[in-house]
């Protein structure tokens, strides 16, 4: 193979990798949007979730429900399902 063919193959491989990475990033962004929408819906329809979010935001004002933490309904109560922050998880 000559240098032009090798260069074309390398460029094609790089382009395939870039396209794959962009697709993966878009899927991750879509997942975050879905999670944030679910959290927003939970908070809109559950007063205990609102109170829980307020208590978290009083302690850590920079955190965002759906990104830094997710809540779940646990019967009549609300609990933290996932904690993605470097801050200590509240009780």
PDB file of N, CA and C in Angstrom:
ATOM      1  N   UNK A   1       0.838  -1.187   0.000  1.00  0.00           N
ATOM      2  CA  UNK A   1       0.000   0.000   0.000  1.00  0.00           C
ATOM      3  C   UNK A   1       0.880   1.245   0.000  1.00  0.00           C
ATOM      4  N   UNK A   2       0.401   2.218  -0.690  1.00  0.00           N
ATOM      5  CA  UNK A   2       1.165   3.467  -0.726  1.00  0.00           C
ATOM      6  C   UNK A   2       0.728   4.396   0.404  1.00  0.00           C
ATOM      7  N   UNK A   3       1.408   5.493   0.562  1.00  0.00           N
ATOM      8  CA  UNK A   3       1.144   6.428   1.671  1.00  0.00           C
ATOM      9  C   UNK A   3      -0.252   7.030   1.607  1.00  0.00           C
ATOM     10  N   UNK A   4      -0.759   7.291   0.419  1.00  0.00           N
ATOM     11  CA  UNK A   4      -2.094   7.878   0.272  1.00  0.00           C
ATOM     12  C   UNK A   4      -3.169   6.919   0.781  1.00  0.00           C
ATOM     13  N   UNK A   5      -3.042   5.650   0.473  1.00  0.00           N
ATOM     14  CA  UNK A   5      -4.010   4.652   0.924  1.00  0.00           C
ATOM     15  C   UNK A   5      -3.965   4.504   2.440  1.00  0.00           C
ATOM     16  N   UNK A   6      -2.780   4.460   2.995  1.00  0.00           N
ATOM     17  CA  UNK A   6      -2.636   4.350   4.448  1.00  0.00           C
ATOM     18  C   UNK A   6      -3.243   5.570   5.139  1.00  0.00           C
ATOM     19  N   UNK A   7      -2.984   6.749   4.587  1.00  0.00           N
ATOM     20  CA  UNK A   7      -3.559   7.975   5.159  1.00  0.00           C
ATOM     21  C   UNK A   7      -5.077   7.953   5.086  1.00  0.00           C
ATOM     22  N   UNK A   8      -5.634   7.499   3.965  1.00  0.00           N
ATOM     23  CA  UNK A   8      -7.088   7.438   3.802  1.00  0.00           C
ATOM     24  C   UNK A   8      -7.702   6.473   4.812  1.00  0.00           C
ATOM     25  N   UNK A   9      -7.071   5.334   5.049  1.00  0.00           N
ATOM     26  CA  UNK A   9      -7.574   4.356   6.009  1.00  0.00           C
ATOM     27  C   UNK A   9      -7.527   4.936   7.421  1.00  0.00           C
ATOM     28  N   UNK A  10      -6.432   5.593   7.758  1.00  0.00           N
ATOM     29  CA  UNK A  10      -6.312   6.201   9.091  1.00  0.00           C
ATOM     30  C   UNK A  10      -7.362   7.285   9.286  1.00  0.00           C
ATOM     31  N   UNK A  11      -7.572   8.121   8.291  1.00  0.00           N
ATOM     32  CA  UNK A  11      -8.588   9.177   8.383  1.00  0.00           C
ATOM     33  C   UNK A  11      -9.979   8.570   8.521  1.00  0.00           C
ATOM     34  N   UNK A  12     -10.268   7.519   7.781  1.00  0.00           N
ATOM     35  CA  UNK A  12     -11.577   6.861   7.876  1.00  0.00           C
ATOM     36  C   UNK A  12     -11.790   6.289   9.276  1.00  0.00           C
ATOM     37  N   UNK A  13     -10.771   5.662   9.835  1.00  0.00           N
ATOM     38  CA  UNK A  13     -10.877   5.106  11.185  1.00  0.00           C
ATOM     39  C   UNK A  13     -11.110   6.218  12.205  1.00  0.00           C
ATOM     40  N   UNK A  14     -10.393   7.310  12.073  1.00  0.00           N
ATOM     41  CA  UNK A  14     -10.575   8.444  12.988  1.00  0.00           C
ATOM     42  C   UNK A  14     -11.986   8.999  12.883  1.00  0.00           C
ATOM     43  N   UNK A  15     -12.503   9.132  11.667  1.00  0.00           N
ATOM     44  CA  UNK A  15     -13.867   9.639  11.478  1.00  0.00           C
ATOM     45  C   UNK A  15     -14.906   8.695  12.091  1.00  0.00           C
ATOM     46  N   UNK A  16     -14.703   7.399  11.937  1.00  0.00           N
ATOM     47  CA  UNK A  16     -15.623   6.428  12.535  1.00  0.00           C
ATOM     48  C   UNK A  16     -15.613   6.548  14.057  1.00  0.00           C
ATOM     49  N   UNK A  17     -14.433   6.709  14.629  1.00  0.00           N
ATOM     50  CA  UNK A  17     -14.327   6.867  16.088  1.00  0.00           C
ATOM     51  C   UNK A  17     -15.026   8.140  16.547  1.00  0.00           C
ATOM     52  N   UNK A  18     -14.842   9.232  15.809  1.00  0.00           N
ATOM     53  CA  UNK A  18     -15.484  10.506  16.171  1.00  0.00           C
ATOM     54  C   UNK A  18     -16.999  10.378  16.108  1.00  0.00           C
ATOM     55  N   UNK A  19     -17.520   9.759  15.052  1.00  0.00           N
ATOM     56  CA  UNK A  19     -18.970   9.582  14.915  1.00  0.00           C
ATOM     57  C   UNK A  19     -19.503   8.727  16.062  1.00  0.00           C
ATOM     58  N   UNK A  20     -18.803   7.655  16.411  1.00  0.00           N
ATOM     59  CA  UNK A  20     -19.219   6.801  17.514  1.00  0.00           C
ATOM     60  C   UNK A  20     -19.255   7.574  18.828  1.00  0.00           C
ATOM     61  N   UNK A  21     -18.232   8.382  19.081  1.00  0.00           N
ATOM     62  CA  UNK A  21     -18.182   9.167  20.318  1.00  0.00           C
ATOM     63  C   UNK A  21     -19.309  10.185  20.370  1.00  0.00           C
ATOM     64  N   UNK A  22     -19.615  10.831  19.244  1.00  0.00           N
ATOM     65  CA  UNK A  22     -20.716  11.797  19.207  1.00  0.00           C
ATOM     66  C   UNK A  22     -22.052  11.113  19.461  1.00  0.00           C
ATOM     67  N   UNK A  23     -22.246   9.933  18.894  1.00  0.00           N
ATOM     68  CA  UNK A  23     -23.493   9.195  19.124  1.00  0.00           C
ATOM     69  C   UNK A  23     -23.626   8.797  20.590  1.00  0.00           C
ATOM     70  N   UNK A  24     -22.525   8.384  21.195  1.00  0.00           N
ATOM     71  CA  UNK A  24     -22.546   7.998  22.602  1.00  0.00           C
ATOM     72  C   UNK A  24     -22.852   9.208  23.486  1.00  0.00           C
ATOM     73  N   UNK A  25     -22.271  10.363  23.145  1.00  0.00           N
ATOM     74  CA  UNK A  25     -22.517  11.582  23.911  1.00  0.00           C
ATOM     75  C   UNK A  25     -23.981  12.013  23.797  1.00  0.00           C
ATOM     76  N   UNK A  26     -24.554  11.880  22.602  1.00  0.00           N
ATOM     77  CA  UNK A  26     -25.958  12.247  22.407  1.00  0.00           C
ATOM     78  C   UNK A  26     -26.871  11.325  23.211  1.00  0.00           C
ATOM     79  N   UNK A  27     -26.566  10.035  23.245  1.00  0.00           N
ATOM     80  CA  UNK A  27     -27.370   9.091  24.023  1.00  0.00           C
ATOM     81  C   UNK A  27     -27.296   9.424  25.512  1.00  0.00           C
ATOM     82  N   UNK A  28     -26.131   9.807  25.966  1.00  0.00           N
ATOM     83  CA  UNK A  28     -25.966  10.194  27.375  1.00  0.00           C
ATOM     84  C   UNK A  28     -26.772  11.448  27.689  1.00  0.00           C
ATOM     85  N   UNK A  29     -26.749  12.411  26.783  1.00  0.00           N
ATOM     86  CA  UNK A  29     -27.517  13.641  26.986  1.00  0.00           C
ATOM     87  C   UNK A  29     -29.015  13.343  27.008  1.00  0.00           C
ATOM     88  N   UNK A  30     -29.469  12.470  26.124  1.00  0.00           N
ATOM     89  CA  UNK A  30     -30.883  12.107  26.104  1.00  0.00           C
ATOM     90  C   UNK A  30     -31.291  11.419  27.398  1.00  0.00           C
ATOM     91  N   UNK A  31     -30.430  10.568  27.927  1.00  0.00           N
ATOM     92  CA  UNK A  31     -30.727   9.891  29.197  1.00  0.00           C
ATOM     93  C   UNK A  31     -30.840  10.910  30.328  1.00  0.00           C
ATOM     94  N   UNK A  32     -29.954  11.901  30.346  1.00  0.00           N
ATOM     95  CA  UNK A  32     -30.017  12.934  31.380  1.00  0.00           C
ATOM     96  C   UNK A  32     -31.303  13.742  31.273  1.00  0.00           C
ATOM     97  N   UNK A  33     -31.729  14.044  30.057  1.00  0.00           N
ATOM     98  CA  UNK A  33     -32.965  14.805  29.861  1.00  0.00           C
ATOM     99  C   UNK A  33     -34.163  14.004  30.362  1.00  0.00           C
ATOM    100  N   UNK A  34     -34.195  12.711  30.063  1.00  0.00           N
ATOM    101  CA  UNK A  34     -35.297  11.860  30.533  1.00  0.00           C
ATOM    102  C   UNK A  34     -35.317  11.808  32.061  1.00  0.00           C
ATOM    103  N   UNK A  35     -34.145  11.648  32.672  1.00  0.00           N
ATOM    104  CA  UNK A  35     -34.061  11.604  34.138  1.00  0.00           C
ATOM    105  C   UNK A  35     -34.520  12.914  34.750  1.00  0.00           C
ATOM    106  N   UNK A  36     -34.079  14.029  34.197  1.00  0.00           N
ATOM    107  CA  UNK A  36     -34.493  15.330  34.726  1.00  0.00           C
ATOM    108  C   UNK A  36     -35.997  15.527  34.572  1.00  0.00           C
ATOM    109  N   UNK A  37     -36.571  15.076  33.461  1.00  0.00           N
ATOM    110  CA  UNK A  37     -38.014  15.190  33.250  1.00  0.00           C
ATOM    111  C   UNK A  37     -38.777  14.363  34.273  1.00  0.00           C
ATOM    112  N   UNK A  38     -38.300  13.148  34.534  1.00  0.00           N
ATOM    113  CA  UNK A  38     -38.950  12.303  35.544  1.00  0.00           C
ATOM    114  C   UNK A  38     -38.880  12.943  36.928  1.00  0.00           C
ATOM    115  N   UNK A  39     -37.740  13.523  37.268  1.00  0.00           N
ATOM    116  CA  UNK A  39     -37.586  14.177  38.570  1.00  0.00           C
ATOM    117  C   UNK A  39     -38.494  15.401  38.669  1.00  0.00           C
ATOM    118  N   UNK A  40     -38.575  16.175  37.587  1.00  0.00           N
ATOM    119  CA  UNK A  40     -39.435  17.356  37.575  1.00  0.00           C
ATOM    120  C   UNK A  40     -40.895  16.951  37.773  1.00  0.00           C
ATOM    121  N   UNK A  41     -41.315  15.882  37.106  1.00  0.00           N
ATOM    122  CA  UNK A  41     -42.692  15.401  37.247  1.00  0.00           C
ATOM    123  C   UNK A  41     -42.952  14.923  38.674  1.00  0.00           C
ATOM    124  N   UNK A  42     -41.995  14.207  39.252  1.00  0.00           N
ATOM    125  CA  UNK A  42     -42.147  13.748  40.633  1.00  0.00           C
ATOM    126  C   UNK A  42     -42.297  14.927  41.585  1.00  0.00           C
ATOM    127  N   UNK A  43     -41.465  15.930  41.426  1.00  0.00           N
ATOM    128  CA  UNK A  43     -41.503  17.092  42.322  1.00  0.00           C
ATOM    129  C   UNK A  43     -42.789  17.884  42.125  1.00  0.00           C
ATOM    130  N   UNK A  44     -43.276  17.950  40.895  1.00  0.00           N
ATOM    131  CA  UNK A  44     -44.517  18.696  40.632  1.00  0.00           C
ATOM    132  C   UNK A  44     -45.726  18.073  41.318  1.00  0.00           C
ATOM    133  N   UNK A  45     -45.725  16.749  41.451  1.00  0.00           N
ATOM    134  CA  UNK A  45     -46.920  16.056  41.925  1.00  0.00           C
ATOM    135  C   UNK A  45     -46.788  15.474  43.323  1.00  0.00           C
ATOM    136  N   UNK A  46     -45.695  15.761  44.006  1.00  0.00           N
ATOM    137  CA  UNK A  46     -45.496  15.167  45.323  1.00  0.00           C
ATOM    138  C   UNK A  46     -44.918  16.225  46.261  1.00  0.00           C
ATOM    139  N   UNK A  47     -45.712  16.626  47.240  1.00  0.00           N
ATOM    140  CA  UNK A  47     -45.278  17.676  48.171  1.00  0.00           C
ATOM    141  C   UNK A  47     -44.110  17.223  49.046  1.00  0.00           C
ATOM    142  N   UNK A  48     -44.053  15.933  49.357  1.00  0.00           N
ATOM    143  CA  UNK A  48     -42.919  15.431  50.139  1.00  0.00           C
ATOM    144  C   UNK A  48     -41.623  15.535  49.329  1.00  0.00           C
ATOM    145  N   UNK A  49     -41.710  15.323  48.022  1.00  0.00           N
ATOM    146  CA  UNK A  49     -40.534  15.463  47.157  1.00  0.00           C
ATOM    147  C   UNK A  49     -40.076  16.913  47.116  1.00  0.00           C
ATOM    148  N   UNK A  50     -41.033  17.839  47.104  1.00  0.00           N
ATOM    149  CA  UNK A  50     -40.690  19.266  47.125  1.00  0.00           C
ATOM    150  C   UNK A  50     -39.948  19.603  48.417  1.00  0.00           C
ATOM    151  N   UNK A  51     -40.480  19.132  49.538  1.00  0.00           N
ATOM    152  CA  UNK A  51     -39.843  19.402  50.827  1.00  0.00           C
ATOM    153  C   UNK A  51     -38.455  18.775  50.896  1.00  0.00           C
ATOM    154  N   UNK A  52     -38.328  17.566  50.369  1.00  0.00           N
ATOM    155  CA  UNK A  52     -37.030  16.884  50.379  1.00  0.00           C
ATOM    156  C   UNK A  52     -36.020  17.642  49.521  1.00  0.00           C
ATOM    157  N   UNK A  53     -36.447  18.071  48.334  1.00  0.00           N
ATOM    158  CA  UNK A  53     -35.563  18.860  47.460  1.00  0.00           C
ATOM    159  C   UNK A  53     -35.154  20.162  48.134  1.00  0.00           C
ATOM    160  N   UNK A  54     -36.093  20.821  48.786  1.00  0.00           N
ATOM    161  CA  UNK A  54     -35.764  22.074  49.476  1.00  0.00           C
ATOM    162  C   UNK A  54     -34.743  21.847  50.579  1.00  0.00           C
ATOM    163  N   UNK A  55     -34.892  20.747  51.324  1.00  0.00           N
ATOM    164  CA  UNK A  55     -33.928  20.493  52.386  1.00  0.00           C
ATOM    165  C   UNK A  55     -32.545  20.185  51.816  1.00  0.00           C
ATOM    166  N   UNK A  56     -32.489  19.492  50.692  1.00  0.00           N
ATOM    167  CA  UNK A  56     -31.197  19.228  50.045  1.00  0.00           C
ATOM    168  C   UNK A  56     -30.597  20.531  49.527  1.00  0.00           C
ATOM    169  N   UNK A  57     -31.421  21.369  48.912  1.00  0.00           N
ATOM    170  CA  UNK A  57     -30.921  22.636  48.362  1.00  0.00           C
ATOM    171  C   UNK A  57     -30.535  23.632  49.451  1.00  0.00           C
ATOM    172  N   UNK A  58     -31.158  23.534  50.628  1.00  0.00           N
ATOM    173  CA  UNK A  58     -30.735  24.385  51.739  1.00  0.00           C
ATOM    174  C   UNK A  58     -29.317  24.019  52.181  1.00  0.00           C
ATOM    175  N   UNK A  59     -29.030  22.722  52.155  1.00  0.00           N
ATOM    176  CA  UNK A  59     -27.713  22.256  52.576  1.00  0.00           C
ATOM    177  C   UNK A  59     -26.681  22.397  51.452  1.00  0.00           C
ATOM    178  N   UNK A  60     -27.078  22.076  50.233  1.00  0.00           N
ATOM    179  CA  UNK A  60     -26.191  22.128  49.061  1.00  0.00           C
ATOM    180  C   UNK A  60     -26.895  22.894  47.945  1.00  0.00           C
ATOM    181  N   UNK A  61     -26.790  24.218  47.912  1.00  0.00           N
ATOM    182  CA  UNK A  61     -27.559  25.008  46.951  1.00  0.00           C
ATOM    183  C   UNK A  61     -27.183  24.782  45.483  1.00  0.00           C
ATOM    184  N   UNK A  62     -26.028  24.252  45.203  1.00  0.00           N
ATOM    185  CA  UNK A  62     -25.615  24.078  43.814  1.00  0.00           C
ATOM    186  C   UNK A  62     -26.055  22.774  43.178  1.00  0.00           C
ATOM    187  N   UNK A  63     -26.693  21.888  43.934  1.00  0.00           N
ATOM    188  CA  UNK A  63     -27.079  20.590  43.390  1.00  0.00           C
ATOM    189  C   UNK A  63     -28.402  20.664  42.643  1.00  0.00           C
ATOM    190  N   UNK A  64     -28.539  19.797  41.650  1.00  0.00           N
ATOM    191  CA  UNK A  64     -29.727  19.792  40.804  1.00  0.00           C
ATOM    192  C   UNK A  64     -30.347  18.397  40.790  1.00  0.00           C
ATOM    193  N   UNK A  65     -31.648  18.341  41.070  1.00  0.00           N
ATOM    194  CA  UNK A  65     -32.361  17.060  41.018  1.00  0.00           C
ATOM    195  C   UNK A  65     -32.346  16.542  39.587  1.00  0.00           C
ATOM    196  N   UNK A  66     -32.046  15.274  39.435  1.00  0.00           N
ATOM    197  CA  UNK A  66     -31.978  14.666  38.114  1.00  0.00           C
ATOM    198  C   UNK A  66     -30.567  14.601  37.565  1.00  0.00           C
ATOM    199  N   UNK A  67     -29.669  15.418  38.109  1.00  0.00           N
ATOM    200  CA  UNK A  67     -28.271  15.381  37.680  1.00  0.00           C
ATOM    201  C   UNK A  67     -27.396  14.934  38.843  1.00  0.00           C
ATOM    202  N   UNK A  68     -27.453  15.680  39.942  1.00  0.00           N
ATOM    203  CA  UNK A  68     -26.611  15.375  41.096  1.00  0.00           C
ATOM    204  C   UNK A  68     -27.240  14.336  42.024  1.00  0.00           C
ATOM    205  N   UNK A  69     -28.545  14.239  41.983  1.00  0.00           N
ATOM    206  CA  UNK A  69     -29.244  13.219  42.777  1.00  0.00           C
ATOM    207  C   UNK A  69     -30.590  12.942  42.130  1.00  0.00           C
ATOM    208  N   UNK A  70     -31.109  11.752  42.399  1.00  0.00           N
ATOM    209  CA  UNK A  70     -32.459  11.429  41.941  1.00  0.00           C
ATOM    210  C   UNK A  70     -33.265  10.953  43.139  1.00  0.00           C
ATOM    211  N   UNK A  71     -34.530  11.261  43.098  1.00  0.00           N
ATOM    212  CA  UNK A  71     -35.455  10.863  44.156  1.00  0.00           C
ATOM    213  C   UNK A  71     -36.376   9.774  43.634  1.00  0.00           C
ATOM    214  N   UNK A  72     -36.928   8.994  44.566  1.00  0.00           N
ATOM    215  CA  UNK A  72     -37.920   7.992  44.194  1.00  0.00           C
ATOM    216  C   UNK A  72     -39.009   7.981  45.249  1.00  0.00           C
ATOM    217  N   UNK A  73     -40.199   7.630  44.805  1.00  0.00           N
ATOM    218  CA  UNK A  73     -41.300   7.465  45.734  1.00  0.00           C
ATOM    219  C   UNK A  73     -41.175   6.091  46.366  1.00  0.00           C
ATOM    220  N   UNK A  74     -41.226   6.065  47.678  1.00  0.00           N
ATOM    221  CA  UNK A  74     -41.117   4.812  48.424  1.00  0.00           C
ATOM    222  C   UNK A  74     -42.380   4.683  49.260  1.00  0.00           C
ATOM    223  N   UNK A  75     -43.432   4.236  48.620  1.00  0.00           N
ATOM    224  CA  UNK A  75     -44.729   4.213  49.288  1.00  0.00           C
ATOM    225  C   UNK A  75     -45.231   5.632  49.471  1.00  0.00           C
ATOM    226  N   UNK A  76     -45.448   6.024  50.736  1.00  0.00           N
ATOM    227  CA  UNK A  76     -45.886   7.391  51.015  1.00  0.00           C
ATOM    228  C   UNK A  76     -44.708   8.343  51.205  1.00  0.00           C
ATOM    229  N   UNK A  77     -43.518   7.815  51.259  1.00  0.00           N
ATOM    230  CA  UNK A  77     -42.332   8.635  51.498  1.00  0.00           C
ATOM    231  C   UNK A  77     -41.539   8.851  50.212  1.00  0.00           C
ATOM    232  N   UNK A  78     -40.575   9.751  50.310  1.00  0.00           N
ATOM    233  CA  UNK A  78     -39.660  10.022  49.213  1.00  0.00           C
ATOM    234  C   UNK A  78     -38.253   9.774  49.734  1.00  0.00           C
ATOM    235  N   UNK A  79     -37.435   9.120  48.921  1.00  0.00           N
ATOM    236  CA  UNK A  79     -36.074   8.809  49.334  1.00  0.00           C
ATOM    237  C   UNK A  79     -35.113   9.088  48.183  1.00  0.00           C
ATOM    238  N   UNK A  80     -33.848   9.222  48.526  1.00  0.00           N
ATOM    239  CA  UNK A  80     -32.825   9.405  47.498  1.00  0.00           C
ATOM    240  C   UNK A  80     -32.567   8.051  46.841  1.00  0.00           C
ATOM    241  N   UNK A  81     -32.703   8.022  45.533  1.00  0.00           N
ATOM    242  CA  UNK A  81     -32.445   6.789  44.791  1.00  0.00           C
ATOM    243  C   UNK A  81     -30.972   6.709  44.379  1.00  0.00           C
ATOM    244  N   UNK A  82     -30.447   7.837  43.904  1.00  0.00           N
ATOM    245  CA  UNK A  82     -29.071   7.871  43.417  1.00  0.00           C
ATOM    246  C   UNK A  82     -28.423   9.179  43.846  1.00  0.00           C
ATOM    247  N   UNK A  83     -27.201   9.115  44.320  1.00  0.00           N
ATOM    248  CA  UNK A  83     -26.469  10.303  44.765  1.00  0.00           C
ATOM    249  C   UNK A  83     -25.193  10.403  43.943  1.00  0.00           C
ATOM    250  N   UNK A  84     -25.109  11.403  43.060  1.00  0.00           N
ATOM    251  CA  UNK A  84     -23.981  11.548  42.141  1.00  0.00           C
ATOM    252  C   UNK A  84     -23.085  12.725  42.483  1.00  0.00           C
ATOM    253  N   UNK A  85     -23.180  13.241  43.675  1.00  0.00           N
ATOM    254  CA  UNK A  85     -22.411  14.412  44.074  1.00  0.00           C
ATOM    255  C   UNK A  85     -21.225  14.003  44.927  1.00  0.00           C
ATOM    256  N   UNK A  86     -20.210  14.880  44.927  1.00  0.00           N
ATOM    257  CA  UNK A  86     -19.048  14.634  45.798  1.00  0.00           C
ATOM    258  C   UNK A  86     -19.350  15.023  47.236  1.00  0.00           C
ATOM    259  N   UNK A  87     -20.432  15.748  47.460  1.00  0.00           N
ATOM    260  CA  UNK A  87     -20.842  16.125  48.821  1.00  0.00           C
ATOM    261  C   UNK A  87     -21.352  14.893  49.557  1.00  0.00           C
ATOM    262  N   UNK A  88     -21.261  14.894  50.890  1.00  0.00           N
ATOM    263  CA  UNK A  88     -21.798  13.755  51.654  1.00  0.00           C
ATOM    264  C   UNK A  88     -23.310  13.615  51.449  1.00  0.00           C
ATOM    265  N   UNK A  89     -23.752  12.395  51.319  1.00  0.00           N
ATOM    266  CA  UNK A  89     -25.176  12.133  51.113  1.00  0.00           C
ATOM    267  C   UNK A  89     -25.941  12.456  52.398  1.00  0.00           C
ATOM    268  N   UNK A  90     -27.000  13.264  52.300  1.00  0.00           N
ATOM    269  CA  UNK A  90     -27.782  13.595  53.501  1.00  0.00           C
ATOM    270  C   UNK A  90     -28.649  12.417  53.931  1.00  0.00           C
ATOM    271  N   UNK A  91     -29.080  12.458  55.165  1.00  0.00           N
ATOM    272  CA  UNK A  91     -29.934  11.392  55.710  1.00  0.00           C
ATOM    273  C   UNK A  91     -31.363  11.572  55.266  1.00  0.00           C
TER     274      UNK A  91
END
